[in-house]
Amino acid sequence: MTIRSTPDGAAAPARRLRHRRKRKAALALAAVAAVAVLTVSLLTGWPFGKERVEHVSGAGPLQSHTDTGTTSVYAPKKAPWTVTFGSYLLCSTRGDQVTIDGIRYRTPVKPKSVSLKLRTVTPRVWKATVDASQIGAALGAPPHFQQRKAPGEYKDVRAGSRITQSCADQAREGAGFTELLFVLTVGKQGGYINTAWIDYHVNGSPYTLRLDWKMVACGSRIPHTVDGTVVCDGKQT
């Protein structure tokens, strides 16, 4: 910062006064911003005072069929493009109704957009066609994929979405399932989600299911390896 002297001795106090006012205004704005951040945190968090219990699949009321590993998908020639990652079959370990409060995820390489869907396949649909199996990864967005069919009912994931199927029921042959889908639209740089958290509650108690499955849409910014697994063969440009 350059400091300039002034020949007018009376001008300096006025300038200092203006600086004090600016500092007070900046402090006031900072205080407002702090309150705003706190308010957003309170509104998006669990409002009933209990701390969330974070757990992995199999250690809490909500379970996912897929929770740890890596899936990568090559980029087609044209960008942007869309890919859907699935196989997260959700169920209630105790048979109690699970209510989703929100889903968070971390993106070391940020996609252009991410949307979340719940796909429900009923026993009737499951028995009617082999296409009703779970989605590992597929080019395109539901319900229309480029290289496969995937019948079922698709809904946006919202606060209040419910998982009602028990894991015991889901394990029965032909019982159907509810599948969580991550739909990524990416550009030439690709996209990468390395962790997701499902915030939910059961009977008034809040939990978080952590999913450590890596979802990789190949592109120029995707690393050669992800947790020691070679992805995209290191050739994507």
Protein backbone atom coordinates (compact mmCIF):
# COMPACT_ATOMS: atom_id res chain seq x y z
CA MET A 1 0.00 0.00 0.00
CA THR A 2 1.38 3.44 -0.94
CA ILE A 3 1.15 6.14 1.76
CA ARG A 4 0.92 9.69 0.52
CA SER A 5 1.49 12.77 2.71
CA THR A 6 -0.83 15.73 2.41
CA PRO A 7 -0.01 19.39 2.78
CA ASP A 8 -3.39 19.99 4.40
CA GLY A 9 -3.04 19.11 8.08
CA ALA A 10 -6.81 19.04 8.60
CA ALA A 11 -7.36 16.47 5.89
CA ALA A 12 -5.57 13.64 7.69
CA PRO A 13 -8.06 13.27 10.63
CA ALA A 14 -10.99 13.25 8.18
CA ARG A 15 -9.30 10.52 6.18
CA ARG A 16 -8.66 8.52 9.38
CA LEU A 17 -12.32 8.97 10.30
CA ARG A 18 -13.37 7.58 6.92
CA HIS A 19 -11.02 4.61 7.44
CA ARG A 20 -12.57 3.98 10.88
CA ARG A 21 -16.04 4.05 9.34
CA LYS A 22 -14.94 1.60 6.64
CA ARG A 23 -13.47 -0.70 9.30
CA LYS A 24 -16.71 -0.55 11.31
CA ALA A 25 -18.72 -1.27 8.17
CA ALA A 26 -16.44 -4.21 7.32
CA LEU A 27 -16.81 -5.61 10.85
CA ALA A 28 -20.59 -5.23 10.64
CA LEU A 29 -20.67 -7.06 7.31
CA ALA A 30 -18.45 -9.82 8.72
CA ALA A 31 -20.82 -10.20 11.68
CA VAL A 32 -23.81 -10.43 9.34
CA ALA A 33 -21.98 -13.00 7.20
CA ALA A 34 -21.14 -15.06 10.29
CA VAL A 35 -24.78 -15.04 11.36
CA ALA A 36 -25.84 -16.03 7.82
CA VAL A 37 -23.42 -18.98 7.78
CA LEU A 38 -24.64 -20.10 11.20
CA THR A 39 -28.25 -19.82 10.05
CA VAL A 40 -27.60 -21.91 6.93
CA SER A 41 -25.79 -24.48 9.06
CA LEU A 42 -28.73 -24.70 11.45
CA LEU A 43 -31.27 -24.93 8.65
CA THR A 44 -29.43 -27.67 6.76
CA GLY A 45 -28.41 -29.67 9.84
CA TRP A 46 -30.48 -31.99 12.06
CA PRO A 47 -32.74 -29.64 14.08
CA PHE A 48 -33.44 -31.82 17.11
CA GLY A 49 -30.20 -31.45 19.04
CA LYS A 50 -28.83 -34.99 18.68
CA GLU A 51 -25.48 -35.52 17.00
CA ARG A 52 -25.49 -37.69 13.91
CA VAL A 53 -23.89 -41.11 14.20
CA GLU A 54 -21.74 -41.78 11.11
CA HIS A 55 -21.28 -45.38 10.07
CA VAL A 56 -20.34 -47.59 7.12
CA SER A 57 -22.66 -50.05 5.44
CA GLY A 58 -23.66 -52.91 7.73
CA ALA A 59 -23.06 -50.93 10.92
CA GLY A 60 -26.26 -48.86 11.11
CA PRO A 61 -29.98 -48.82 10.30
CA LEU A 62 -29.42 -47.97 6.58
CA GLN A 63 -27.42 -50.27 4.35
CA SER A 64 -26.08 -49.99 0.79
CA HIS A 65 -25.31 -53.00 -1.40
CA THR A 66 -22.31 -51.07 -2.79
CA ASP A 67 -20.11 -49.07 -0.43
CA THR A 68 -16.38 -49.51 -1.15
CA GLY A 69 -14.54 -49.76 -4.48
CA THR A 70 -14.03 -47.92 -7.78
CA THR A 71 -15.92 -47.65 -11.08
CA SER A 72 -14.55 -45.66 -14.04
CA VAL A 73 -16.21 -44.88 -17.38
CA TYR A 74 -14.45 -43.79 -20.57
CA ALA A 75 -15.47 -40.50 -22.12
CA PRO A 76 -17.21 -40.58 -25.50
CA LYS A 77 -15.86 -38.41 -28.31
CA LYS A 78 -18.22 -35.49 -27.71
CA ALA A 79 -18.34 -33.33 -24.59
CA PRO A 80 -20.20 -32.55 -22.44
CA TRP A 81 -21.57 -36.00 -21.70
CA THR A 82 -23.60 -37.69 -18.98
CA VAL A 83 -22.99 -40.88 -17.04
CA THR A 84 -25.06 -42.56 -14.32
CA PHE A 85 -23.50 -44.50 -11.44
CA GLY A 86 -25.65 -46.90 -9.46
CA SER A 87 -25.69 -50.25 -7.64
CA TYR A 88 -26.35 -48.47 -4.33
CA LEU A 89 -29.26 -50.71 -3.30
CA LEU A 90 -30.65 -49.18 -0.11
CA CYS A 91 -32.49 -51.07 2.59
CA SER A 92 -33.35 -50.92 6.29
CA THR A 93 -31.35 -53.37 8.40
CA ARG A 94 -33.93 -53.36 11.21
CA GLY A 95 -37.03 -53.08 9.08
CA ASP A 96 -37.77 -49.58 10.40
CA GLN A 97 -38.69 -46.82 7.96
CA VAL A 98 -35.66 -44.72 6.97
CA THR A 99 -36.18 -41.04 6.09
CA ILE A 100 -33.47 -39.31 4.07
CA ASP A 101 -32.53 -35.79 5.22
CA GLY A 102 -29.96 -35.07 2.51
CA ILE A 103 -27.03 -36.46 0.54
CA ARG A 104 -23.57 -34.89 0.43
CA TYR A 105 -20.59 -35.80 -1.74
CA ARG A 106 -16.98 -34.75 -2.32
CA THR A 107 -15.68 -34.01 -5.83
CA PRO A 108 -11.86 -33.86 -6.24
CA VAL A 109 -12.60 -33.24 -9.95
CA LYS A 110 -15.85 -31.28 -10.12
CA PRO A 111 -18.45 -32.34 -12.72
CA LYS A 112 -20.55 -29.71 -14.48
CA SER A 113 -23.55 -30.98 -12.53
CA VAL A 114 -24.66 -33.82 -10.26
CA SER A 115 -28.23 -34.97 -9.73
CA LEU A 116 -29.52 -37.75 -7.50
CA LYS A 117 -32.27 -40.22 -8.29
CA LEU A 118 -34.01 -43.09 -6.56
CA ARG A 119 -34.95 -45.96 -8.87
CA THR A 120 -37.58 -48.38 -7.59
CA VAL A 121 -37.90 -51.78 -9.23
CA THR A 122 -40.97 -53.70 -8.08
CA PRO A 123 -41.14 -57.53 -7.98
CA ARG A 124 -43.42 -57.40 -11.01
CA VAL A 125 -40.92 -55.40 -13.07
CA TRP A 126 -38.04 -57.55 -11.83
CA LYS A 127 -39.72 -60.73 -13.02
CA ALA A 128 -40.83 -59.25 -16.36
CA THR A 129 -37.40 -58.52 -17.87
CA VAL A 130 -33.68 -59.13 -17.40
CA ASP A 131 -33.15 -55.40 -18.03
CA ALA A 132 -34.45 -54.67 -14.54
CA SER A 133 -31.12 -55.48 -12.91
CA GLN A 134 -29.16 -52.84 -10.99
CA ILE A 135 -27.15 -50.18 -12.82
CA GLY A 136 -23.41 -50.33 -12.27
CA ALA A 137 -22.61 -47.47 -14.64
CA ALA A 138 -24.32 -46.40 -17.86
CA LEU A 139 -23.89 -43.63 -20.39
CA GLY A 140 -26.83 -41.23 -20.36
CA ALA A 141 -29.36 -40.13 -17.77
CA PRO A 142 -32.42 -42.00 -16.50
CA PRO A 143 -34.75 -43.19 -17.76
CA HIS A 144 -33.04 -43.19 -21.19
CA PHE A 145 -29.58 -44.72 -21.43
CA GLN A 146 -27.47 -45.11 -24.55
CA GLN A 147 -26.53 -48.77 -24.37
CA ARG A 148 -29.07 -50.45 -22.12
CA LYS A 149 -32.61 -50.43 -20.80
CA ALA A 150 -33.30 -49.96 -17.12
CA PRO A 151 -37.01 -50.05 -16.33
CA GLY A 152 -38.33 -48.83 -13.01
CA GLU A 153 -39.79 -45.75 -11.38
CA TYR A 154 -37.37 -42.81 -11.12
CA LYS A 155 -37.76 -39.99 -8.61
CA ASP A 156 -35.52 -37.12 -7.50
CA VAL A 157 -33.95 -37.61 -4.10
CA ARG A 158 -35.44 -35.06 -1.70
CA ALA A 159 -35.42 -34.43 2.02
CA GLY A 160 -38.18 -36.72 3.21
CA SER A 161 -37.57 -39.50 0.67
CA ARG A 162 -38.16 -42.82 2.39
CA ILE A 163 -36.59 -46.25 2.28
CA THR A 164 -39.13 -48.80 3.45
CA GLN A 165 -37.76 -52.13 2.20
CA SER A 166 -36.01 -54.27 4.78
CA CYS A 167 -32.68 -55.85 3.92
CA ALA A 168 -34.16 -59.27 4.68
CA ASP A 169 -36.87 -58.68 2.09
CA GLN A 170 -34.41 -57.28 -0.47
CA ALA A 171 -32.29 -60.43 -0.13
CA ARG A 172 -35.14 -62.60 -1.37
CA GLU A 173 -34.98 -63.59 -5.05
CA GLY A 174 -37.23 -61.37 -7.18
CA ALA A 175 -38.20 -59.05 -4.30
CA GLY A 176 -37.23 -55.88 -6.17
CA PHE A 177 -35.13 -53.03 -4.80
CA THR A 178 -34.59 -49.29 -4.36
CA GLU A 179 -31.40 -48.01 -6.01
CA LEU A 180 -29.63 -44.70 -5.42
CA LEU A 181 -28.20 -43.16 -8.61
CA PHE A 182 -25.61 -40.42 -9.10
CA VAL A 183 -26.05 -38.70 -12.48
CA LEU A 184 -22.96 -36.74 -13.55
CA THR A 185 -22.70 -34.36 -16.49
CA VAL A 186 -19.05 -33.65 -17.26
CA GLY A 187 -16.86 -31.75 -19.71
CA LYS A 188 -13.44 -32.58 -21.13
CA GLN A 189 -11.81 -32.50 -17.69
CA GLY A 190 -14.00 -35.36 -16.46
CA GLY A 191 -15.60 -35.74 -13.05
CA TYR A 192 -14.82 -37.65 -9.88
CA ILE A 193 -16.75 -38.33 -6.65
CA ASN A 194 -14.66 -40.08 -4.01
CA THR A 195 -17.03 -40.10 -1.01
CA ALA A 196 -20.74 -39.63 -0.40
CA TRP A 197 -22.71 -39.29 2.83
CA ILE A 198 -26.40 -40.10 3.22
CA ASP A 199 -27.86 -38.16 6.15
CA TYR A 200 -31.04 -39.78 7.47
CA HIS A 201 -33.06 -40.47 10.56
CA VAL A 202 -34.89 -43.45 12.03
CA ASN A 203 -37.41 -43.13 14.87
CA GLY A 204 -36.14 -39.63 15.66
CA SER A 205 -32.45 -40.57 15.80
CA PRO A 206 -30.08 -39.05 13.18
CA TYR A 207 -27.42 -41.06 11.32
CA THR A 208 -25.06 -40.75 8.36
CA LEU A 209 -24.17 -43.63 6.05
CA ARG A 210 -20.75 -43.07 4.46
CA LEU A 211 -20.14 -44.47 0.98
CA ASP A 212 -16.49 -44.77 -0.04
CA TRP A 213 -17.12 -46.02 -3.57
CA LYS A 214 -15.20 -43.94 -6.15
CA MET A 215 -17.18 -42.79 -9.21
CA VAL A 216 -14.88 -41.71 -12.05
CA ALA A 217 -15.96 -40.14 -15.34
CA CYS A 218 -12.76 -40.08 -17.42
CA GLY A 219 -11.25 -36.82 -18.58
CA SER A 220 -8.07 -34.73 -18.72
CA ARG A 221 -7.94 -33.97 -14.97
CA ILE A 222 -8.53 -37.52 -13.74
CA PRO A 223 -5.41 -38.97 -12.06
CA HIS A 224 -3.77 -42.13 -13.37
CA THR A 225 -4.66 -44.05 -10.22
CA VAL A 226 -7.38 -43.69 -7.60
CA ASP A 227 -6.53 -45.29 -4.25
CA GLY A 228 -4.03 -47.54 -6.04
CA THR A 229 -6.50 -48.58 -8.76
CA VAL A 230 -5.60 -47.70 -12.33
CA VAL A 231 -8.50 -45.79 -13.92
CA CYS A 232 -9.02 -44.74 -17.53
CA ASP A 233 -5.73 -46.62 -18.32
CA GLY A 234 -3.95 -43.31 -17.93
CA LYS A 235 -4.59 -42.53 -21.60
CA GLN A 236 -7.53 -40.14 -21.40
CA THR A 237 -6.71 -36.66 -22.72
